[in-house]
mmCIF file of all heavy atoms, coordinates in Angstrom:
data_MODEL
# 
_entry.id   MODEL 
# 
loop_
_atom_site.group_PDB 
_atom_site.id 
_atom_site.type_symbol 
_atom_site.label_atom_id 
_atom_site.label_alt_id 
_atom_site.label_comp_id 
_atom_site.label_asym_id 
_atom_site.label_entity_id 
_atom_site.label_seq_id 
_atom_site.pdbx_PDB_ins_code 
_atom_site.Cartn_x 
_atom_site.Cartn_y 
_atom_site.Cartn_z 
_atom_site.occupancy 
_atom_site.B_iso_or_equiv 
_atom_site.pdbx_formal_charge 
_atom_site.auth_seq_id 
_atom_site.auth_comp_id 
_atom_site.auth_asym_id 
_atom_site.auth_atom_id 
_atom_site.pdbx_PDB_model_num 
ATOM 1   N N   . ALA A 1 1  ? 0.851   -1.248 0.076   1.00 0.00 ? 1  ALA A N   1 
ATOM 2   C CA  . ALA A 1 1  ? -0.008  0.029  0.008   1.00 0.00 ? 1  ALA A CA  1 
ATOM 3   C C   . ALA A 1 1  ? 0.800   1.216  0.059   1.00 0.00 ? 1  ALA A C   1 
ATOM 4   O O   . ALA A 1 1  ? 0.284   2.411  -0.298  1.00 0.00 ? 1  ALA A O   1 
ATOM 5   C CB  . ALA A 1 1  ? -0.941  -0.017 1.193   1.00 0.00 ? 1  ALA A CB  1 
ATOM 6   N N   . GLY A 1 2  ? 2.168   1.135  0.236   1.00 0.00 ? 2  GLY A N   1 
ATOM 7   C CA  . GLY A 1 2  ? 2.991   2.234  0.169   1.00 0.00 ? 2  GLY A CA  1 
ATOM 8   C C   . GLY A 1 2  ? 3.291   2.742  -1.181  1.00 0.00 ? 2  GLY A C   1 
ATOM 9   O O   . GLY A 1 2  ? 3.813   3.845  -1.523  1.00 0.00 ? 2  GLY A O   1 
ATOM 10  N N   . LEU A 1 3  ? 2.931   1.973  -2.173  1.00 0.00 ? 3  LEU A N   1 
ATOM 11  C CA  . LEU A 1 3  ? 3.119   2.303  -3.667  1.00 0.00 ? 3  LEU A CA  1 
ATOM 12  C C   . LEU A 1 3  ? 1.851   2.109  -4.378  1.00 0.00 ? 3  LEU A C   1 
ATOM 13  O O   . LEU A 1 3  ? 1.557   1.124  -4.955  1.00 0.00 ? 3  LEU A O   1 
ATOM 14  C CB  . LEU A 1 3  ? 4.237   1.376  -4.275  1.00 0.00 ? 3  LEU A CB  1 
ATOM 15  C CG  . LEU A 1 3  ? 4.578   1.619  -5.678  1.00 0.00 ? 3  LEU A CG  1 
ATOM 16  C CD1 . LEU A 1 3  ? 5.010   3.060  -5.906  1.00 0.00 ? 3  LEU A CD1 1 
ATOM 17  C CD2 . LEU A 1 3  ? 5.724   0.700  -6.093  1.00 0.00 ? 3  LEU A CD2 1 
ATOM 18  N N   . GLU A 1 4  ? 0.989   3.184  -4.265  1.00 0.00 ? 4  GLU A N   1 
ATOM 19  C CA  . GLU A 1 4  ? -0.278  3.172  -4.991  1.00 0.00 ? 4  GLU A CA  1 
ATOM 20  C C   . GLU A 1 4  ? -0.383  4.619  -5.579  1.00 0.00 ? 4  GLU A C   1 
ATOM 21  O O   . GLU A 1 4  ? -0.010  5.560  -5.042  1.00 0.00 ? 4  GLU A O   1 
ATOM 22  C CB  . GLU A 1 4  ? -1.458  2.867  -4.067  1.00 0.00 ? 4  GLU A CB  1 
ATOM 23  C CG  . GLU A 1 4  ? -1.430  1.467  -3.468  1.00 0.00 ? 4  GLU A CG  1 
ATOM 24  C CD  . GLU A 1 4  ? -2.767  1.159  -2.870  1.00 0.00 ? 4  GLU A CD  1 
ATOM 25  O OE1 . GLU A 1 4  ? -3.708  1.882  -2.964  1.00 0.00 ? 4  GLU A OE1 1 
ATOM 26  O OE2 . GLU A 1 4  ? -2.808  0.014  -2.191  1.00 0.00 ? 4  GLU A OE2 1 
ATOM 27  N N   . LEU A 1 5  ? -1.005  4.616  -6.782  1.00 0.00 ? 5  LEU A N   1 
ATOM 28  C CA  . LEU A 1 5  ? -1.207  5.912  -7.491  1.00 0.00 ? 5  LEU A CA  1 
ATOM 29  C C   . LEU A 1 5  ? -2.529  6.526  -7.022  1.00 0.00 ? 5  LEU A C   1 
ATOM 30  O O   . LEU A 1 5  ? -3.621  6.360  -7.634  1.00 0.00 ? 5  LEU A O   1 
ATOM 31  C CB  . LEU A 1 5  ? -1.207  5.613  -9.047  1.00 0.00 ? 5  LEU A CB  1 
ATOM 32  C CG  . LEU A 1 5  ? 0.097   5.052  -9.604  1.00 0.00 ? 5  LEU A CG  1 
ATOM 33  C CD1 . LEU A 1 5  ? -0.092  4.765  -11.090 1.00 0.00 ? 5  LEU A CD1 1 
ATOM 34  C CD2 . LEU A 1 5  ? 1.254   5.829  -9.184  1.00 0.00 ? 5  LEU A CD2 1 
ATOM 35  N N   . ARG A 1 6  ? -2.492  7.147  -5.831  1.00 0.00 ? 6  ARG A N   1 
ATOM 36  C CA  . ARG A 1 6  ? -3.633  7.763  -5.263  1.00 0.00 ? 6  ARG A CA  1 
ATOM 37  C C   . ARG A 1 6  ? -3.342  9.109  -4.757  1.00 0.00 ? 6  ARG A C   1 
ATOM 38  O O   . ARG A 1 6  ? -2.120  9.484  -4.595  1.00 0.00 ? 6  ARG A O   1 
ATOM 39  C CB  . ARG A 1 6  ? -4.076  6.878  -4.024  1.00 0.00 ? 6  ARG A CB  1 
ATOM 40  C CG  . ARG A 1 6  ? -4.578  5.568  -4.370  1.00 0.00 ? 6  ARG A CG  1 
ATOM 41  C CD  . ARG A 1 6  ? -4.918  4.670  -3.232  1.00 0.00 ? 6  ARG A CD  1 
ATOM 42  N NE  . ARG A 1 6  ? -5.145  5.390  -1.971  1.00 0.00 ? 6  ARG A NE  1 
ATOM 43  C CZ  . ARG A 1 6  ? -5.982  4.897  -0.976  1.00 0.00 ? 6  ARG A CZ  1 
ATOM 44  N NH1 . ARG A 1 6  ? -6.544  3.770  -1.154  1.00 0.00 ? 6  ARG A NH1 1 
ATOM 45  N NH2 . ARG A 1 6  ? -6.112  5.572  0.142   1.00 0.00 ? 6  ARG A NH2 1 
ATOM 46  N N   . GLU A 1 7  ? -4.268  9.873  -4.501  1.00 0.00 ? 7  GLU A N   1 
ATOM 47  C CA  . GLU A 1 7  ? -4.131  11.284 -4.026  1.00 0.00 ? 7  GLU A CA  1 
ATOM 48  C C   . GLU A 1 7  ? -3.457  11.282 -2.618  1.00 0.00 ? 7  GLU A C   1 
ATOM 49  O O   . GLU A 1 7  ? -2.733  12.401 -2.426  1.00 0.00 ? 7  GLU A O   1 
ATOM 50  C CB  . GLU A 1 7  ? -5.478  12.083 -3.948  1.00 0.00 ? 7  GLU A CB  1 
ATOM 51  C CG  . GLU A 1 7  ? -6.106  12.192 -5.335  1.00 0.00 ? 7  GLU A CG  1 
ATOM 52  C CD  . GLU A 1 7  ? -7.002  11.016 -5.634  1.00 0.00 ? 7  GLU A CD  1 
ATOM 53  O OE1 . GLU A 1 7  ? -6.821  9.977  -5.138  1.00 0.00 ? 7  GLU A OE1 1 
ATOM 54  O OE2 . GLU A 1 7  ? -7.855  11.129 -6.575  1.00 0.00 ? 7  GLU A OE2 1 
ATOM 55  N N   . ASP A 1 8  ? -3.578  10.363 -1.834  1.00 0.00 ? 8  ASP A N   1 
ATOM 56  C CA  . ASP A 1 8  ? -3.096  10.380 -0.462  1.00 0.00 ? 8  ASP A CA  1 
ATOM 57  C C   . ASP A 1 8  ? -1.753  9.613  -0.303  1.00 0.00 ? 8  ASP A C   1 
ATOM 58  O O   . ASP A 1 8  ? -1.363  9.321  0.817   1.00 0.00 ? 8  ASP A O   1 
ATOM 59  C CB  . ASP A 1 8  ? -4.113  9.942  0.492   1.00 0.00 ? 8  ASP A CB  1 
ATOM 60  C CG  . ASP A 1 8  ? -4.650  8.504  0.130   1.00 0.00 ? 8  ASP A CG  1 
ATOM 61  O OD1 . ASP A 1 8  ? -4.335  7.995  -0.876  1.00 0.00 ? 8  ASP A OD1 1 
ATOM 62  O OD2 . ASP A 1 8  ? -5.428  7.989  1.062   1.00 0.00 ? 8  ASP A OD2 1 
ATOM 63  N N   . VAL A 1 9  ? -1.190  9.160  -1.390  1.00 0.00 ? 9  VAL A N   1 
ATOM 64  C CA  . VAL A 1 9  ? 0.097   8.415  -1.295  1.00 0.00 ? 9  VAL A CA  1 
ATOM 65  C C   . VAL A 1 9  ? 1.164   9.250  -1.989  1.00 0.00 ? 9  VAL A C   1 
ATOM 66  O O   . VAL A 1 9  ? 1.076   9.509  -3.193  1.00 0.00 ? 9  VAL A O   1 
ATOM 67  C CB  . VAL A 1 9  ? 0.031   7.073  -1.940  1.00 0.00 ? 9  VAL A CB  1 
ATOM 68  C CG1 . VAL A 1 9  ? 1.371   6.368  -2.024  1.00 0.00 ? 9  VAL A CG1 1 
ATOM 69  C CG2 . VAL A 1 9  ? -0.988  6.118  -1.304  1.00 0.00 ? 9  VAL A CG2 1 
ATOM 70  N N   . HIS A 1 10 ? 2.198   9.635  -1.208  1.00 0.00 ? 10 HIS A N   1 
ATOM 71  C CA  . HIS A 1 10 ? 3.156   10.612 -1.699  1.00 0.00 ? 10 HIS A CA  1 
ATOM 72  C C   . HIS A 1 10 ? 4.488   9.997  -2.018  1.00 0.00 ? 10 HIS A C   1 
ATOM 73  O O   . HIS A 1 10 ? 5.513   10.666 -2.068  1.00 0.00 ? 10 HIS A O   1 
ATOM 74  C CB  . HIS A 1 10 ? 3.262   11.811 -0.715  1.00 0.00 ? 10 HIS A CB  1 
ATOM 75  C CG  . HIS A 1 10 ? 1.938   12.424 -0.427  1.00 0.00 ? 10 HIS A CG  1 
ATOM 76  N ND1 . HIS A 1 10 ? 1.248   13.133 -1.297  1.00 0.00 ? 10 HIS A ND1 1 
ATOM 77  C CD2 . HIS A 1 10 ? 1.208   12.439 0.807   1.00 0.00 ? 10 HIS A CD2 1 
ATOM 78  C CE1 . HIS A 1 10 ? 0.091   13.574 -0.766  1.00 0.00 ? 10 HIS A CE1 1 
ATOM 79  N NE2 . HIS A 1 10 ? 0.069   13.191 0.484   1.00 0.00 ? 10 HIS A NE2 1 
ATOM 80  N N   . THR A 1 11 ? 4.628   8.640  -2.241  1.00 0.00 ? 11 THR A N   1 
ATOM 81  C CA  . THR A 1 11 ? 5.727   7.933  -2.462  1.00 0.00 ? 11 THR A CA  1 
ATOM 82  C C   . THR A 1 11 ? 6.350   8.438  -3.722  1.00 0.00 ? 11 THR A C   1 
ATOM 83  O O   . THR A 1 11 ? 5.728   8.539  -4.617  1.00 0.00 ? 11 THR A O   1 
ATOM 84  C CB  . THR A 1 11 ? 5.476   6.445  -2.508  1.00 0.00 ? 11 THR A CB  1 
ATOM 85  O OG1 . THR A 1 11 ? 4.900   6.036  -1.240  1.00 0.00 ? 11 THR A OG1 1 
ATOM 86  C CG2 . THR A 1 11 ? 6.724   5.679  -2.734  1.00 0.00 ? 11 THR A CG2 1 
ATOM 87  N N   . ILE A 1 12 ? 7.695   8.546  -3.782  1.00 0.00 ? 12 ILE A N   1 
ATOM 88  C CA  . ILE A 1 12 ? 8.483   8.859  -4.990  1.00 0.00 ? 12 ILE A CA  1 
ATOM 89  C C   . ILE A 1 12 ? 8.815   7.499  -5.651  1.00 0.00 ? 12 ILE A C   1 
ATOM 90  O O   . ILE A 1 12 ? 9.285   6.687  -5.061  1.00 0.00 ? 12 ILE A O   1 
ATOM 91  C CB  . ILE A 1 12 ? 9.702   9.649  -4.751  1.00 0.00 ? 12 ILE A CB  1 
ATOM 92  C CG1 . ILE A 1 12 ? 9.372   10.927 -4.008  1.00 0.00 ? 12 ILE A CG1 1 
ATOM 93  C CG2 . ILE A 1 12 ? 10.529  9.935  -5.967  1.00 0.00 ? 12 ILE A CG2 1 
ATOM 94  C CD1 . ILE A 1 12 ? 8.603   11.889 -4.784  1.00 0.00 ? 12 ILE A CD1 1 
ATOM 95  N N   . ILE A 1 13 ? 8.507   7.469  -6.980  1.00 0.00 ? 13 ILE A N   1 
ATOM 96  C CA  . ILE A 1 13 ? 8.743   6.211  -7.721  1.00 0.00 ? 13 ILE A CA  1 
ATOM 97  C C   . ILE A 1 13 ? 10.280  6.149  -7.912  1.00 0.00 ? 13 ILE A C   1 
ATOM 98  O O   . ILE A 1 13 ? 10.948  7.009  -8.357  1.00 0.00 ? 13 ILE A O   1 
ATOM 99  C CB  . ILE A 1 13 ? 8.073   6.274  -8.995  1.00 0.00 ? 13 ILE A CB  1 
ATOM 100 C CG1 . ILE A 1 13 ? 6.474   6.242  -8.888  1.00 0.00 ? 13 ILE A CG1 1 
ATOM 101 C CG2 . ILE A 1 13 ? 8.440   5.061  -9.966  1.00 0.00 ? 13 ILE A CG2 1 
ATOM 102 C CD1 . ILE A 1 13 ? 5.670   6.497  -10.105 1.00 0.00 ? 13 ILE A CD1 1 
ATOM 103 N N   . GLU A 1 14 ? 10.734  4.905  -7.658  1.00 0.00 ? 14 GLU A N   1 
ATOM 104 C CA  . GLU A 1 14 ? 12.226  4.560  -7.686  1.00 0.00 ? 14 GLU A CA  1 
ATOM 105 C C   . GLU A 1 14 ? 12.474  3.416  -8.644  1.00 0.00 ? 14 GLU A C   1 
ATOM 106 O O   . GLU A 1 14 ? 11.653  2.561  -8.920  1.00 0.00 ? 14 GLU A O   1 
ATOM 107 C CB  . GLU A 1 14 ? 12.750  4.123  -6.297  1.00 0.00 ? 14 GLU A CB  1 
ATOM 108 C CG  . GLU A 1 14 ? 12.548  5.185  -5.212  1.00 0.00 ? 14 GLU A CG  1 
ATOM 109 C CD  . GLU A 1 14 ? 12.990  4.640  -3.917  1.00 0.00 ? 14 GLU A CD  1 
ATOM 110 O OE1 . GLU A 1 14 ? 13.967  3.961  -3.913  1.00 0.00 ? 14 GLU A OE1 1 
ATOM 111 O OE2 . GLU A 1 14 ? 12.340  4.976  -2.842  1.00 0.00 ? 14 GLU A OE2 1 
ATOM 112 N N   . PRO A 1 15 ? 13.790  3.306  -9.124  1.00 0.00 ? 15 PRO A N   1 
ATOM 113 C CA  . PRO A 1 15 ? 14.119  2.132  -9.864  1.00 0.00 ? 15 PRO A CA  1 
ATOM 114 C C   . PRO A 1 15 ? 13.967  0.853  -9.164  1.00 0.00 ? 15 PRO A C   1 
ATOM 115 O O   . PRO A 1 15 ? 14.233  0.794  -7.868  1.00 0.00 ? 15 PRO A O   1 
ATOM 116 C CB  . PRO A 1 15 ? 15.599  2.384  -10.135 1.00 0.00 ? 15 PRO A CB  1 
ATOM 117 C CG  . PRO A 1 15 ? 15.793  3.942  -10.145 1.00 0.00 ? 15 PRO A CG  1 
ATOM 118 C CD  . PRO A 1 15 ? 14.839  4.360  -9.118  1.00 0.00 ? 15 PRO A CD  1 
ATOM 119 N N   . GLY A 1 16 ? 13.483  -0.184 -9.839  1.00 0.00 ? 16 GLY A N   1 
ATOM 120 C CA  . GLY A 1 16 ? 13.178  -1.451 -9.190  1.00 0.00 ? 16 GLY A CA  1 
ATOM 121 C C   . GLY A 1 16 ? 11.835  -1.611 -8.736  1.00 0.00 ? 16 GLY A C   1 
ATOM 122 O O   . GLY A 1 16 ? 11.295  -2.789 -8.392  1.00 0.00 ? 16 GLY A O   1 
ATOM 123 N N   . MET A 1 17 ? 10.953  -0.489 -8.841  1.00 0.00 ? 17 MET A N   1 
ATOM 124 C CA  . MET A 1 17 ? 9.519   -0.648 -8.511  1.00 0.00 ? 17 MET A CA  1 
ATOM 125 C C   . MET A 1 17 ? 8.833   -1.192 -9.727  1.00 0.00 ? 17 MET A C   1 
ATOM 126 O O   . MET A 1 17 ? 9.259   -1.017 -10.860 1.00 0.00 ? 17 MET A O   1 
ATOM 127 C CB  . MET A 1 17 ? 8.984   0.680  -8.100  1.00 0.00 ? 17 MET A CB  1 
ATOM 128 C CG  . MET A 1 17 ? 9.491   1.130  -6.699  1.00 0.00 ? 17 MET A CG  1 
ATOM 129 S SD  . MET A 1 17 ? 8.727   2.732  -6.269  1.00 0.00 ? 17 MET A SD  1 
ATOM 130 C CE  . MET A 1 17 ? 9.271   2.855  -4.575  1.00 0.00 ? 17 MET A CE  1 
ATOM 131 N N   . VAL A 1 18 ? 7.749   -1.918 -9.473  1.00 0.00 ? 18 VAL A N   1 
ATOM 132 C CA  . VAL A 1 18 ? 6.863   -2.452 -10.500 1.00 0.00 ? 18 VAL A CA  1 
ATOM 133 C C   . VAL A 1 18 ? 5.513   -1.965 -10.216 1.00 0.00 ? 18 VAL A C   1 
ATOM 134 O O   . VAL A 1 18 ? 4.958   -2.238 -9.170  1.00 0.00 ? 18 VAL A O   1 
ATOM 135 C CB  . VAL A 1 18 ? 7.001   -4.002 -10.604 1.00 0.00 ? 18 VAL A CB  1 
ATOM 136 C CG1 . VAL A 1 18 ? 5.954   -4.538 -11.729 1.00 0.00 ? 18 VAL A CG1 1 
ATOM 137 C CG2 . VAL A 1 18 ? 8.399   -4.467 -10.742 1.00 0.00 ? 18 VAL A CG2 1 
ATOM 138 N N   . ILE A 1 19 ? 4.788   -1.264 -11.113 1.00 0.00 ? 19 ILE A N   1 
ATOM 139 C CA  . ILE A 1 19 ? 3.593   -0.572 -10.968 1.00 0.00 ? 19 ILE A CA  1 
ATOM 140 C C   . ILE A 1 19 ? 2.676   -0.783 -12.096 1.00 0.00 ? 19 ILE A C   1 
ATOM 141 O O   . ILE A 1 19 ? 3.102   -0.828 -13.254 1.00 0.00 ? 19 ILE A O   1 
ATOM 142 C CB  . ILE A 1 19 ? 3.952   1.000  -10.767 1.00 0.00 ? 19 ILE A CB  1 
ATOM 143 C CG1 . ILE A 1 19 ? 5.076   1.229  -9.902  1.00 0.00 ? 19 ILE A CG1 1 
ATOM 144 C CG2 . ILE A 1 19 ? 2.703   1.636  -10.264 1.00 0.00 ? 19 ILE A CG2 1 
ATOM 145 C CD1 . ILE A 1 19 ? 5.493   2.706  -9.869  1.00 0.00 ? 19 ILE A CD1 1 
ATOM 146 N N   . SER A 1 20 ? 1.374   -0.905 -11.668 1.00 0.00 ? 20 SER A N   1 
ATOM 147 C CA  . SER A 1 20 ? 0.355   -0.939 -12.782 1.00 0.00 ? 20 SER A CA  1 
ATOM 148 C C   . SER A 1 20 ? -0.175  0.432  -13.057 1.00 0.00 ? 20 SER A C   1 
ATOM 149 O O   . SER A 1 20 ? -0.194  1.333  -12.189 1.00 0.00 ? 20 SER A O   1 
ATOM 150 C CB  . SER A 1 20 ? -0.751  -1.877 -12.244 1.00 0.00 ? 20 SER A CB  1 
ATOM 151 O OG  . SER A 1 20 ? -1.421  -1.351 -11.115 1.00 0.00 ? 20 SER A OG  1 
ATOM 152 N N   . MET A 1 21 ? -0.659  0.598  -14.210 1.00 0.00 ? 21 MET A N   1 
ATOM 153 C CA  . MET A 1 21 ? -1.620  1.688  -14.571 1.00 0.00 ? 21 MET A CA  1 
ATOM 154 C C   . MET A 1 21 ? -2.906  1.054  -14.980 1.00 0.00 ? 21 MET A C   1 
ATOM 155 O O   . MET A 1 21 ? -2.998  0.281  -15.959 1.00 0.00 ? 21 MET A O   1 
ATOM 156 C CB  . MET A 1 21 ? -0.982  2.527  -15.809 1.00 0.00 ? 21 MET A CB  1 
ATOM 157 C CG  . MET A 1 21 ? -1.894  3.537  -16.372 1.00 0.00 ? 21 MET A CG  1 
ATOM 158 S SD  . MET A 1 21 ? -2.611  4.665  -15.170 1.00 0.00 ? 21 MET A SD  1 
ATOM 159 C CE  . MET A 1 21 ? -1.177  5.369  -14.302 1.00 0.00 ? 21 MET A CE  1 
ATOM 160 N N   . GLU A 1 22 ? -4.004  1.436  -14.168 1.00 0.00 ? 22 GLU A N   1 
ATOM 161 C CA  . GLU A 1 22 ? -5.197  0.788  -14.440 1.00 0.00 ? 22 GLU A CA  1 
ATOM 162 C C   . GLU A 1 22 ? -6.464  1.689  -14.157 1.00 0.00 ? 22 GLU A C   1 
ATOM 163 O O   . GLU A 1 22 ? -7.157  1.592  -13.095 1.00 0.00 ? 22 GLU A O   1 
ATOM 164 C CB  . GLU A 1 22 ? -5.296  -0.432 -13.548 1.00 0.00 ? 22 GLU A CB  1 
ATOM 165 C CG  . GLU A 1 22 ? -4.914  -0.272 -12.173 1.00 0.00 ? 22 GLU A CG  1 
ATOM 166 C CD  . GLU A 1 22 ? -4.997  -1.592 -11.319 1.00 0.00 ? 22 GLU A CD  1 
ATOM 167 O OE1 . GLU A 1 22 ? -6.177  -2.162 -11.301 1.00 0.00 ? 22 GLU A OE1 1 
ATOM 168 O OE2 . GLU A 1 22 ? -4.081  -2.091 -10.783 1.00 0.00 ? 22 GLU A OE2 1 
ATOM 169 N N   . PRO A 1 23 ? -6.649  2.680  -14.933 1.00 0.00 ? 23 PRO A N   1 
ATOM 170 C CA  . PRO A 1 23 ? -7.922  3.544  -14.744 1.00 0.00 ? 23 PRO A CA  1 
ATOM 171 C C   . PRO A 1 23 ? -9.183  2.875  -14.946 1.00 0.00 ? 23 PRO A C   1 
ATOM 172 O O   . PRO A 1 23 ? -9.234  1.949  -15.746 1.00 0.00 ? 23 PRO A O   1 
ATOM 173 C CB  . PRO A 1 23 ? -7.646  4.690  -15.781 1.00 0.00 ? 23 PRO A CB  1 
ATOM 174 C CG  . PRO A 1 23 ? -6.928  3.982  -16.857 1.00 0.00 ? 23 PRO A CG  1 
ATOM 175 C CD  . PRO A 1 23 ? -5.945  3.019  -16.176 1.00 0.00 ? 23 PRO A CD  1 
ATOM 176 N N   . MET A 1 24 ? -10.230 3.206  -14.185 1.00 0.00 ? 24 MET A N   1 
ATOM 177 C CA  . MET A 1 24 ? -11.504 2.606  -14.359 1.00 0.00 ? 24 MET A CA  1 
ATOM 178 C C   . MET A 1 24 ? -12.638 3.688  -14.253 1.00 0.00 ? 24 MET A C   1 
ATOM 179 O O   . MET A 1 24 ? -12.591 4.443  -13.242 1.00 0.00 ? 24 MET A O   1 
ATOM 180 C CB  . MET A 1 24 ? -11.703 1.501  -13.264 1.00 0.00 ? 24 MET A CB  1 
ATOM 181 C CG  . MET A 1 24 ? -13.136 0.968  -13.409 1.00 0.00 ? 24 MET A CG  1 
ATOM 182 S SD  . MET A 1 24 ? -13.527 -0.422 -12.337 1.00 0.00 ? 24 MET A SD  1 
ATOM 183 C CE  . MET A 1 24 ? -15.221 -0.749 -12.635 1.00 0.00 ? 24 MET A CE  1 
# 
């Protein structure tokens, strides 16, 4: 949950992260 594309998550994306893009 520390790496989610949400308004209340301010984590900086770093090398080695794996992230989805999934608008609905």
